[in-house]
Amino acid sequence: MDAKHMQIGEVAARTELSLRTIRHYEETGLVVPSARSQGGFRLYTESDVQRLMVIRRMKPLGFTLDQMRDLLDATDRLDSAESTDGAQREALLERVRSYEQHASRKIDELRIQLTRAEDFAATLRTRLDAAAPKQDTSA
């Protein structure tokens, strides 16, 4: 196997995604293995791993598979050697900007949820501390 290629198990370990999830993303067309071994095993490149990391980061922010596909398409087109005219490039950049803004809004929402969760846990700790039997320290 070429040193530039990784099998799905290594990719799963690096991305912290399950084999099943990676296969699902392949079935939905979000990421396609760059090659196959002679035995038919999926082979991935560093670029494929980076693509999976984008997907992994989008998932907890509530992006849909279609949105993931759209963002990946926009970034692929921006990164490709194909020349795009100024208007096309600006339209692609605007698509990426909209995803960045969506991600930023979601992060703000998650920070609020985290603060509320931390406050809740602190309230429970205070209740437990108050209800715990007092130990006699006079001995």
C-alpha atoms as a PDB file:
ATOM      1  CA  MET A   1       0.000   0.000   0.000  1.00  0.00           C
ATOM      2  CA  ASP A   2       1.272   3.450  -0.917  1.00  0.00           C
ATOM      3  CA  ALA A   3       2.436   5.543   2.054  1.00  0.00           C
ATOM      4  CA  LYS A   4       0.161   8.369   0.929  1.00  0.00           C
ATOM      5  CA  HIS A   5      -2.932   6.185   1.313  1.00  0.00           C
ATOM      6  CA  MET A   6      -4.674   5.075   4.499  1.00  0.00           C
ATOM      7  CA  GLN A   7      -7.193   2.358   5.067  1.00  0.00           C
ATOM      8  CA  ILE A   8     -10.552   3.169   6.596  1.00  0.00           C
ATOM      9  CA  GLY A   9      -9.512   1.996  10.086  1.00  0.00           C
ATOM     10  CA  GLU A  10      -6.685   4.517  10.257  1.00  0.00           C
ATOM     11  CA  VAL A  11      -8.969   7.240   8.929  1.00  0.00           C
ATOM     12  CA  ALA A  12     -11.569   6.352  11.566  1.00  0.00           C
ATOM     13  CA  ALA A  13      -8.953   6.585  14.313  1.00  0.00           C
ATOM     14  CA  ARG A  14      -7.649   9.927  13.048  1.00  0.00           C
ATOM     15  CA  THR A  15     -11.085  11.496  12.603  1.00  0.00           C
ATOM     16  CA  GLU A  16     -12.738   9.825  15.612  1.00  0.00           C
ATOM     17  CA  LEU A  17     -15.563   8.751  13.307  1.00  0.00           C
ATOM     18  CA  SER A  18     -16.898   5.213  13.206  1.00  0.00           C
ATOM     19  CA  LEU A  19     -16.347   2.993  10.174  1.00  0.00           C
ATOM     20  CA  ARG A  20     -20.107   2.998   9.717  1.00  0.00           C
ATOM     21  CA  THR A  21     -20.248   6.800   9.687  1.00  0.00           C
ATOM     22  CA  ILE A  22     -17.435   7.056   7.154  1.00  0.00           C
ATOM     23  CA  ARG A  23     -19.187   4.508   4.927  1.00  0.00           C
ATOM     24  CA  HIS A  24     -22.435   6.475   5.287  1.00  0.00           C
ATOM     25  CA  TYR A  25     -20.702   9.657   4.184  1.00  0.00           C
ATOM     26  CA  GLU A  26     -19.377   7.731   1.197  1.00  0.00           C
ATOM     27  CA  GLU A  27     -22.871   6.449   0.339  1.00  0.00           C
ATOM     28  CA  THR A  28     -24.249   9.978   0.483  1.00  0.00           C
ATOM     29  CA  GLY A  29     -21.422  11.296  -1.705  1.00  0.00           C
ATOM     30  CA  LEU A  30     -19.855  13.583   0.894  1.00  0.00           C
ATOM     31  CA  VAL A  31     -16.498  11.856   0.738  1.00  0.00           C
ATOM     32  CA  VAL A  32     -15.312   9.287  -1.741  1.00  0.00           C
ATOM     33  CA  PRO A  33     -12.185   7.207  -1.151  1.00  0.00           C
ATOM     34  CA  SER A  34      -9.404   8.383  -3.424  1.00  0.00           C
ATOM     35  CA  ALA A  35      -8.543   4.835  -4.413  1.00  0.00           C
ATOM     36  CA  ARG A  36      -9.180   1.160  -3.797  1.00  0.00           C
ATOM     37  CA  SER A  37      -6.594  -1.479  -3.043  1.00  0.00           C
ATOM     38  CA  GLN A  38      -6.279  -4.530  -5.246  1.00  0.00           C
ATOM     39  CA  GLY A  39      -8.309  -6.328  -2.607  1.00  0.00           C
ATOM     40  CA  GLY A  40     -11.066  -3.709  -2.833  1.00  0.00           C
ATOM     41  CA  PHE A  41     -10.300  -1.889   0.416  1.00  0.00           C
ATOM     42  CA  ARG A  42     -11.082   1.810   0.549  1.00  0.00           C
ATOM     43  CA  LEU A  43      -7.970   3.971   0.472  1.00  0.00           C
ATOM     44  CA  TYR A  44      -7.968   7.573   1.638  1.00  0.00           C
ATOM     45  CA  THR A  45      -5.550  10.457   1.325  1.00  0.00           C
ATOM     46  CA  GLU A  46      -4.805  13.307   3.700  1.00  0.00           C
ATOM     47  CA  SER A  47      -7.192  15.419   1.626  1.00  0.00           C
ATOM     48  CA  ASP A  48      -9.981  12.892   2.281  1.00  0.00           C
ATOM     49  CA  VAL A  49      -9.226  13.034   6.007  1.00  0.00           C
ATOM     50  CA  GLN A  50      -9.444  16.838   5.956  1.00  0.00           C
ATOM     51  CA  ARG A  51     -12.782  16.612   4.146  1.00  0.00           C
ATOM     52  CA  LEU A  52     -14.082  14.230   6.817  1.00  0.00           C
ATOM     53  CA  MET A  53     -12.891  16.636   9.519  1.00  0.00           C
ATOM     54  CA  VAL A  54     -14.935  19.445   7.934  1.00  0.00           C
ATOM     55  CA  ILE A  55     -17.993  17.178   8.017  1.00  0.00           C
ATOM     56  CA  ARG A  56     -17.244  16.130  11.600  1.00  0.00           C
ATOM     57  CA  ARG A  57     -17.017  19.762  12.698  1.00  0.00           C
ATOM     58  CA  MET A  58     -20.242  20.729  10.929  1.00  0.00           C
ATOM     59  CA  LYS A  59     -22.342  17.916  12.408  1.00  0.00           C
ATOM     60  CA  PRO A  60     -22.585  19.148  16.027  1.00  0.00           C
ATOM     61  CA  LEU A  61     -23.483  22.602  14.747  1.00  0.00           C
ATOM     62  CA  GLY A  62     -26.655  21.198  13.207  1.00  0.00           C
ATOM     63  CA  PHE A  63     -25.714  21.386   9.544  1.00  0.00           C
ATOM     64  CA  THR A  64     -27.627  18.994   7.297  1.00  0.00           C
ATOM     65  CA  LEU A  65     -26.000  16.609   4.842  1.00  0.00           C
ATOM     66  CA  ASP A  66     -27.179  18.866   2.004  1.00  0.00           C
ATOM     67  CA  GLN A  67     -25.564  21.880   3.644  1.00  0.00           C
ATOM     68  CA  MET A  68     -22.349  19.911   4.156  1.00  0.00           C
ATOM     69  CA  ARG A  69     -22.416  18.913   0.503  1.00  0.00           C
ATOM     70  CA  ASP A  70     -23.019  22.521  -0.571  1.00  0.00           C
ATOM     71  CA  LEU A  71     -20.165  23.900   1.530  1.00  0.00           C
ATOM     72  CA  LEU A  72     -17.781  21.185   0.356  1.00  0.00           C
ATOM     73  CA  ASP A  73     -18.763  21.897  -3.239  1.00  0.00           C
ATOM     74  CA  ALA A  74     -18.080  25.607  -2.762  1.00  0.00           C
ATOM     75  CA  THR A  75     -14.713  25.023  -1.115  1.00  0.00           C
ATOM     76  CA  ASP A  76     -13.752  22.389  -3.704  1.00  0.00           C
ATOM     77  CA  ARG A  77     -14.529  24.843  -6.476  1.00  0.00           C
ATOM     78  CA  LEU A  78     -12.588  27.628  -4.755  1.00  0.00           C
ATOM     79  CA  ASP A  79      -9.612  25.304  -4.268  1.00  0.00           C
ATOM     80  CA  SER A  80      -9.672  23.808  -7.746  1.00  0.00           C
ATOM     81  CA  ALA A  81      -7.338  24.858 -10.495  1.00  0.00           C
ATOM     82  CA  GLU A  82     -10.322  25.765 -12.641  1.00  0.00           C
ATOM     83  CA  SER A  83     -10.385  29.445 -13.262  1.00  0.00           C
ATOM     84  CA  THR A  84     -13.564  31.116 -12.170  1.00  0.00           C
ATOM     85  CA  ASP A  85     -14.425  34.616 -13.142  1.00  0.00           C
ATOM     86  CA  GLY A  86     -14.716  37.293 -10.499  1.00  0.00           C
ATOM     87  CA  ALA A  87     -18.489  37.012 -10.142  1.00  0.00           C
ATOM     88  CA  GLN A  88     -18.380  33.216  -9.759  1.00  0.00           C
ATOM     89  CA  ARG A  89     -15.595  33.435  -7.221  1.00  0.00           C
ATOM     90  CA  GLU A  90     -17.449  36.082  -5.224  1.00  0.00           C
ATOM     91  CA  ALA A  91     -20.618  33.953  -5.251  1.00  0.00           C
ATOM     92  CA  LEU A  92     -18.626  30.991  -3.913  1.00  0.00           C
ATOM     93  CA  LEU A  93     -17.030  33.155  -1.251  1.00  0.00           C
ATOM     94  CA  GLU A  94     -20.455  34.433  -0.236  1.00  0.00           C
ATOM     95  CA  ARG A  95     -21.676  30.840   0.183  1.00  0.00           C
ATOM     96  CA  VAL A  96     -18.725  30.083   2.448  1.00  0.00           C
ATOM     97  CA  ARG A  97     -19.310  33.336   4.391  1.00  0.00           C
ATOM     98  CA  SER A  98     -22.921  32.356   5.026  1.00  0.00           C
ATOM     99  CA  TYR A  99     -21.794  29.036   6.516  1.00  0.00           C
ATOM    100  CA  GLU A 100     -19.227  30.813   8.687  1.00  0.00           C
ATOM    101  CA  GLN A 101     -21.947  33.171   9.962  1.00  0.00           C
ATOM    102  CA  HIS A 102     -24.300  30.243  10.628  1.00  0.00           C
ATOM    103  CA  ALA A 103     -21.534  28.432  12.532  1.00  0.00           C
ATOM    104  CA  SER A 104     -20.764  31.543  14.592  1.00  0.00           C
ATOM    105  CA  ARG A 105     -24.437  31.970  15.547  1.00  0.00           C
ATOM    106  CA  LYS A 106     -24.680  28.315  16.541  1.00  0.00           C
ATOM    107  CA  ILE A 107     -21.505  28.580  18.629  1.00  0.00           C
ATOM    108  CA  ASP A 108     -23.039  31.536  20.498  1.00  0.00           C
ATOM    109  CA  GLU A 109     -26.177  29.468  21.156  1.00  0.00           C
ATOM    110  CA  LEU A 110     -24.087  26.539  22.389  1.00  0.00           C
ATOM    111  CA  ARG A 111     -22.112  28.803  24.736  1.00  0.00           C
ATOM    112  CA  ILE A 112     -25.382  29.955  26.302  1.00  0.00           C
ATOM    113  CA  GLN A 113     -26.521  26.335  26.674  1.00  0.00           C
ATOM    114  CA  LEU A 114     -23.179  25.385  28.230  1.00  0.00           C
ATOM    115  CA  THR A 115     -23.411  28.254  30.739  1.00  0.00           C
ATOM    116  CA  ARG A 116     -26.921  27.152  31.704  1.00  0.00           C
ATOM    117  CA  ALA A 117     -25.773  23.541  32.066  1.00  0.00           C
ATOM    118  CA  GLU A 118     -22.830  24.602  34.254  1.00  0.00           C
ATOM    119  CA  ASP A 119     -25.164  26.717  36.408  1.00  0.00           C
ATOM    120  CA  PHE A 120     -27.516  23.754  36.759  1.00  0.00           C
ATOM    121  CA  ALA A 121     -24.683  21.413  37.799  1.00  0.00           C
ATOM    122  CA  ALA A 122     -23.464  24.011  40.322  1.00  0.00           C
ATOM    123  CA  THR A 123     -26.981  24.292  41.774  1.00  0.00           C
ATOM    124  CA  LEU A 124     -27.139  20.523  42.191  1.00  0.00           C
ATOM    125  CA  ARG A 125     -23.702  20.453  43.877  1.00  0.00           C
ATOM    126  CA  THR A 126     -24.838  23.185  46.286  1.00  0.00           C
ATOM    127  CA  ARG A 127     -27.983  21.197  47.140  1.00  0.00           C
ATOM    128  CA  LEU A 128     -25.965  18.037  47.682  1.00  0.00           C
ATOM    129  CA  ASP A 129     -23.452  19.849  49.871  1.00  0.00           C
ATOM    130  CA  ALA A 130     -26.263  21.381  51.939  1.00  0.00           C
ATOM    131  CA  ALA A 131     -28.010  18.025  52.347  1.00  0.00           C
ATOM    132  CA  ALA A 132     -24.881  16.040  53.193  1.00  0.00           C
ATOM    133  CA  PRO A 133     -24.604  14.979  56.821  1.00  0.00           C
ATOM    134  CA  LYS A 134     -22.249  17.169  58.804  1.00  0.00           C
ATOM    135  CA  GLN A 135     -19.208  15.386  60.192  1.00  0.00           C
ATOM    136  CA  ASP A 136     -18.292  15.951  63.799  1.00  0.00           C
ATOM    137  CA  THR A 137     -14.891  17.627  63.864  1.00  0.00           C
ATOM    138  CA  SER A 138     -14.636  17.926  67.686  1.00  0.00           C
ATOM    139  CA  ALA A 139     -12.921  14.572  68.193  1.00  0.00           C
END
